[in-house]
Protein backbone atom coordinates (compact mmCIF):
# COMPACT_ATOMS: atom_id res chain seq x y z
CA MET A 1 -45.31 8.88 10.70
CA LEU A 2 -48.61 6.41 11.37
CA ILE A 3 -50.90 6.98 14.16
CA PHE A 4 -52.92 4.28 15.32
CA VAL A 5 -55.44 4.31 17.53
CA ASN A 6 -56.19 0.69 19.87
CA ALA A 7 -59.35 -0.31 21.24
CA ALA A 8 -58.70 1.39 24.51
CA GLY A 9 -58.60 4.58 22.80
CA LYS A 10 -54.58 5.04 22.95
CA SER A 11 -52.83 6.06 20.18
CA SER A 12 -49.46 4.38 18.88
CA ILE A 13 -47.15 6.65 16.67
CA PHE A 14 -44.68 5.17 14.11
CA LYS A 15 -42.20 6.53 12.18
CA THR A 16 -41.96 5.42 8.59
CA ASP A 17 -39.11 6.03 5.81
CA PHE A 18 -41.59 6.02 2.83
CA ILE A 19 -41.58 8.99 0.50
CA TYR A 20 -44.88 9.34 -0.89
CA MET A 21 -45.66 10.30 -4.65
CA ASP A 22 -46.13 14.08 -3.64
CA GLU A 23 -42.86 14.22 -1.72
CA ILE A 24 -41.08 13.14 -5.17
CA PHE A 25 -39.25 15.88 -6.56
CA GLU A 26 -38.73 17.97 -3.17
CA TRP A 27 -36.24 20.40 -3.92
CA LYS A 28 -35.11 21.50 -0.72
CA ARG A 29 -35.20 17.75 0.45
CA VAL A 30 -33.24 16.91 -2.39
CA LEU A 31 -30.49 19.19 -2.30
CA LEU A 32 -30.04 19.82 1.12
CA ASN A 33 -32.34 16.91 2.92
CA ASP A 34 -34.45 19.36 4.76
CA LEU A 35 -30.88 20.82 6.20
CA PRO A 36 -30.03 24.27 6.91
CA ILE A 37 -27.50 25.73 4.10
CA THR A 38 -24.82 26.23 6.93
CA PHE A 39 -24.47 22.62 6.87
CA VAL A 40 -22.40 22.84 4.29
CA LEU A 41 -19.69 24.74 6.54
CA GLU A 42 -19.55 21.68 8.43
CA VAL A 43 -19.28 19.16 5.31
CA ILE A 44 -16.09 21.24 4.18
CA PHE A 45 -14.70 20.86 7.72
CA ARG A 46 -15.66 17.04 8.05
CA THR A 47 -14.34 16.62 4.27
CA VAL A 48 -10.81 18.09 5.13
CA VAL A 49 -10.48 16.23 8.36
CA MET A 50 -11.54 12.83 6.70
CA PHE A 51 -8.94 13.96 3.56
CA ILE A 52 -6.39 14.30 5.61
CA VAL A 53 -6.83 11.18 7.73
CA VAL A 54 -7.03 9.28 4.86
CA LEU A 55 -3.64 10.45 3.72
CA LEU A 56 -1.79 9.79 6.57
CA THR A 57 -3.34 6.46 6.93
CA LEU A 58 -2.06 5.44 3.55
CA LYS A 59 1.37 6.92 4.30
CA PHE A 60 2.06 5.10 7.23
CA THR A 61 0.58 1.86 5.46
CA GLY A 62 3.87 1.91 3.42
CA LYS A 63 4.54 1.43 -0.13
CA ARG A 64 3.58 -1.65 -0.73
CA GLY A 65 0.19 -0.72 0.70
CA VAL A 66 -0.37 1.23 -2.92
CA LYS A 67 1.36 -0.65 -4.70
CA GLN A 68 1.06 -0.01 -8.61
CA LEU A 69 -0.99 3.24 -7.91
CA SER A 70 -0.30 6.76 -6.33
CA ILE A 71 -0.65 7.75 -2.62
CA PHE A 72 -3.32 10.30 -4.10
CA GLU A 73 -4.76 8.27 -6.89
CA VAL A 74 -5.74 5.78 -3.77
CA VAL A 75 -7.08 8.60 -1.62
CA ILE A 76 -9.20 10.04 -4.50
CA ILE A 77 -10.76 6.60 -4.99
CA ILE A 78 -11.56 6.03 -1.19
CA SER A 79 -12.78 9.77 -0.56
CA LEU A 80 -14.95 9.90 -3.55
CA GLY A 81 -16.56 6.33 -3.75
CA SER A 82 -18.55 7.33 -0.81
CA ALA A 83 -20.06 10.60 -1.84
CA ALA A 84 -20.68 9.44 -5.48
CA GLY A 85 -22.40 6.66 -4.69
CA ASP A 86 -24.87 8.00 -1.49
CA PRO A 87 -26.58 10.11 -3.17
CA MET A 88 -27.91 8.35 -5.73
CA PHE A 89 -30.06 6.17 -3.95
CA TYR A 90 -30.23 7.50 -0.47
CA GLU A 91 -33.00 9.59 -0.59
CA ASP A 92 -31.44 11.12 2.99
CA VAL A 93 -28.13 12.22 1.23
CA GLY A 94 -28.69 15.82 -0.35
CA LEU A 95 -26.82 16.48 -3.43
CA ILE A 96 -25.34 19.89 -2.55
CA PRO A 97 -23.48 18.92 0.72
CA ALA A 98 -22.42 15.40 -1.99
CA ILE A 99 -21.27 18.03 -4.64
CA MET A 100 -19.46 19.97 -1.76
CA VAL A 101 -17.18 16.90 -1.05
CA PHE A 102 -16.15 16.66 -4.76
CA MET A 103 -15.54 20.37 -4.90
CA CYS A 104 -13.41 20.15 -1.49
CA ILE A 105 -11.69 16.77 -2.15
CA LEU A 106 -11.00 18.18 -5.34
CA ALA A 107 -9.39 21.71 -3.50
CA MET A 108 -7.41 19.68 -0.90
CA TYR A 109 -6.10 17.24 -3.57
CA ARG A 110 -5.03 20.35 -6.01
CA SER A 111 -3.04 21.86 -2.98
CA VAL A 112 -1.10 19.18 -1.86
CA THR A 113 -0.09 18.56 -5.30
CA TRP A 114 1.27 22.16 -4.87
CA LEU A 115 3.06 21.29 -2.15
CA LEU A 116 4.70 18.37 -3.32
CA GLY A 117 5.90 20.48 -6.41
CA LYS A 118 7.23 23.24 -3.56
CA SER A 119 8.75 21.36 -1.01
CA LYS A 120 11.15 18.89 -1.07
CA ARG A 121 10.65 17.71 2.15
CA PHE A 122 6.75 17.40 2.34
CA GLU A 123 7.02 15.11 -1.45
CA ASN A 124 9.56 13.03 0.64
CA PHE A 125 7.19 12.84 3.70
CA ILE A 126 4.35 11.87 1.44
CA GLU A 127 5.61 9.79 -1.30
CA GLY A 128 8.74 8.40 0.08
CA LYS A 129 12.16 8.09 -1.42
CA THR A 130 13.29 5.08 -3.38
CA LYS A 131 15.35 2.64 -1.41
CA CYS A 132 18.24 0.17 -2.84
CA ILE A 133 17.17 -3.19 -1.59
CA ILE A 134 19.75 -5.17 -3.19
CA GLU A 135 23.35 -4.02 -4.18
CA ASP A 136 26.27 -6.53 -5.66
CA GLY A 137 23.91 -9.66 -4.90
CA GLN A 138 23.39 -8.55 -1.02
CA PHE A 139 20.34 -7.29 0.20
CA SER A 140 21.07 -3.36 1.72
CA LEU A 141 20.34 -4.33 5.32
CA SER A 142 19.50 -0.62 6.55
CA SER A 143 16.76 0.09 3.89
CA PHE A 144 15.40 -3.54 3.58
CA GLU A 145 14.64 -3.46 7.36
CA LYS A 146 12.99 -0.15 6.79
CA GLU A 147 10.63 -1.44 4.39
CA ASP A 148 7.51 -3.38 5.26
CA LEU A 149 8.08 -6.24 2.57
CA ALA A 150 8.48 -9.47 3.74
CA GLN A 151 11.37 -11.49 2.27
CA ASP A 152 8.82 -14.24 0.65
CA GLU A 153 6.97 -11.08 -0.89
CA PHE A 154 10.20 -9.76 -2.34
CA PHE A 155 11.35 -13.07 -3.55
CA ALA A 156 8.06 -13.83 -5.67
CA GLU A 157 8.77 -10.28 -7.25
CA LEU A 158 12.06 -11.42 -8.46
CA ARG A 159 11.27 -14.77 -9.48
CA LEU A 160 8.35 -13.09 -11.77
CA LYS A 161 11.14 -11.58 -13.40
CA SER A 162 12.94 -14.66 -14.15
CA VAL A 163 15.57 -14.34 -11.49
CA GLU A 164 16.83 -17.25 -9.95
CA HIS A 165 19.29 -16.03 -7.33
CA LEU A 166 20.08 -12.85 -6.16
CA GLY A 167 24.14 -13.27 -7.60
CA GLN A 168 21.98 -12.10 -11.18
CA VAL A 169 21.24 -9.06 -9.44
CA ARG A 170 23.43 -5.87 -9.40
CA TYR A 171 20.81 -3.83 -8.07
CA ALA A 172 17.21 -3.94 -6.71
CA TYR A 173 15.43 -0.96 -6.11
CA ILE A 174 11.65 -0.25 -4.12
CA GLU A 175 10.22 2.80 -6.11
CA THR A 176 7.70 5.55 -4.57
CA ASN A 177 4.91 3.63 -5.64
CA GLY A 178 6.39 -0.06 -4.34
CA ALA A 179 6.79 -1.51 -7.68
CA ILE A 180 10.35 -3.25 -7.95
CA SER A 181 12.98 -2.36 -10.54
CA ILE A 182 15.87 -4.79 -11.06
CA TYR A 183 19.50 -4.07 -13.02
CA PHE A 184 20.82 -7.66 -14.10
CA TYR A 185 24.38 -8.62 -14.31
CA GLU A 186 26.17 -9.63 -17.58
CA ASP A 187 25.89 -13.29 -18.11
CA LYS A 188 29.83 -13.34 -17.66
CA ASP A 189 29.59 -11.33 -14.56
CA ILE A 190 26.98 -13.45 -12.94
CA LYS A 191 28.54 -14.59 -9.44
CA TYR A 192 27.32 -16.73 -6.78
CA GLY A 193 24.10 -15.80 -5.02
CA LEU A 194 21.25 -16.68 -2.70
CA PRO A 195 18.91 -18.81 -4.31
CA ILE A 196 15.03 -17.98 -4.04
CA ARG A 197 13.27 -20.68 -5.63
CA PRO A 198 11.63 -22.71 -3.14
CA GLN A 199 13.13 -25.90 -3.90
CA LEU A 200 16.67 -24.80 -3.01
CA PHE A 201 16.03 -22.05 -0.28
CA ASN A 202 13.82 -24.37 1.53
CA LEU A 203 17.12 -26.45 1.99
CA LYS A 204 18.68 -24.15 4.35
CA THR A 205 20.48 -25.22 7.59
CA ARG A 206 22.78 -24.43 10.32
CA ASN A 207 24.88 -27.40 9.82
CA ILE A 208 26.92 -27.39 6.73
CA PRO A 209 26.95 -30.71 5.09
CA LYS A 210 29.90 -30.08 3.37
CA SER A 211 32.98 -27.35 2.19
CA GLY A 212 31.74 -24.81 -0.28
CA VAL A 213 30.03 -21.35 -1.62
CA TYR A 214 26.90 -20.67 0.76
CA ALA A 215 24.55 -17.51 1.21
CA CYS A 216 23.08 -16.48 4.23
CA THR A 217 19.22 -16.66 4.21
CA PHE A 218 18.92 -13.61 5.63
CA CYS A 219 20.94 -11.14 4.14
CA ALA A 220 22.44 -13.16 1.05
CA ASN A 221 26.10 -12.54 2.48
CA ILE A 222 28.24 -15.43 0.11
CA GLN A 223 30.99 -17.16 2.20
CA GLN A 224 33.48 -20.11 1.86
CA LEU A 225 32.62 -22.41 4.48
CA GLU A 226 34.01 -25.55 5.96
CA PRO A 227 31.49 -28.07 7.25
CA VAL A 228 31.02 -27.19 10.50
CA ALA A 229 28.76 -24.55 12.13
CA ALA A 230 29.92 -20.61 11.17
CA ASN A 231 28.12 -17.29 11.57
CA CYS A 232 27.85 -14.99 9.04
CA SER A 233 30.35 -11.46 9.00
CA VAL A 234 27.83 -9.69 7.94
CA CYS A 235 24.56 -10.12 10.18
CA GLY A 236 25.56 -12.92 12.73
CA ARG A 237 22.81 -15.12 11.69
CA ASP A 238 24.20 -19.00 11.32
CA GLU A 239 21.44 -19.86 8.56
CA TRP A 240 22.80 -21.12 5.26
CA ALA A 241 21.70 -21.76 2.02
CA GLU A 242 23.78 -23.31 -0.52
CA ALA A 243 24.80 -20.49 -3.44
CA ILE A 244 24.76 -20.85 -6.91
CA ASN A 245 25.96 -19.01 -9.92
CA THR A 246 23.80 -20.19 -13.01
CA LYS A 247 23.17 -17.68 -15.31
CA ARG A 248 19.71 -16.36 -16.27
CA ILE A 249 17.61 -17.92 -18.78
CA VAL A 250 14.49 -14.93 -19.88
């Protein structure tokens, strides 16, 4: 704090954030930032609340929000990031509260991990379940509609695994970490399916140009159609793409 006196004799007080040399390694400030030791209890309470908030937030963002990482890995990264960094260079953050955050997060992590092993219901709530997205070359609508997974995003995942159309896919699952697992038909068993290459999929239409095998662009149901407007027998939609049955080339 600095005090200045002007010509009229009035003083002005200015606060400063400078740390003078005689204050370096002032251990009460370094460890607790001049706060009472009971503040540690508040730190524990704050950490528990925010850990639960982060955990539930990631849970409700869906599997794709934490793709390739478990929910707990993301929770630990988020929770410890600020707790580790701030005490390193902010002089107004004490070391003891930061260390207490680490200890509290570790305790919460171990507690939740223990609950996951003891309660299947809790595990399903936090981690979710593996869902079958494609079955026999068609979308499982009950599972696909419940996942926060855009069709374009899903098709991109399949194309990265050299899938050209859904008739090549026997089963596809979305795992608890958001990854996609695929089981393929053998070449001799491949059937007509919805093309997922943009050049073919984007030719979708409501007016059937010629007789042939078509795939519903919403549920991937396969139907033999004549050149008239038609509705899908599974989902009732009326947009179609010409189905293909090419073999998978890896």
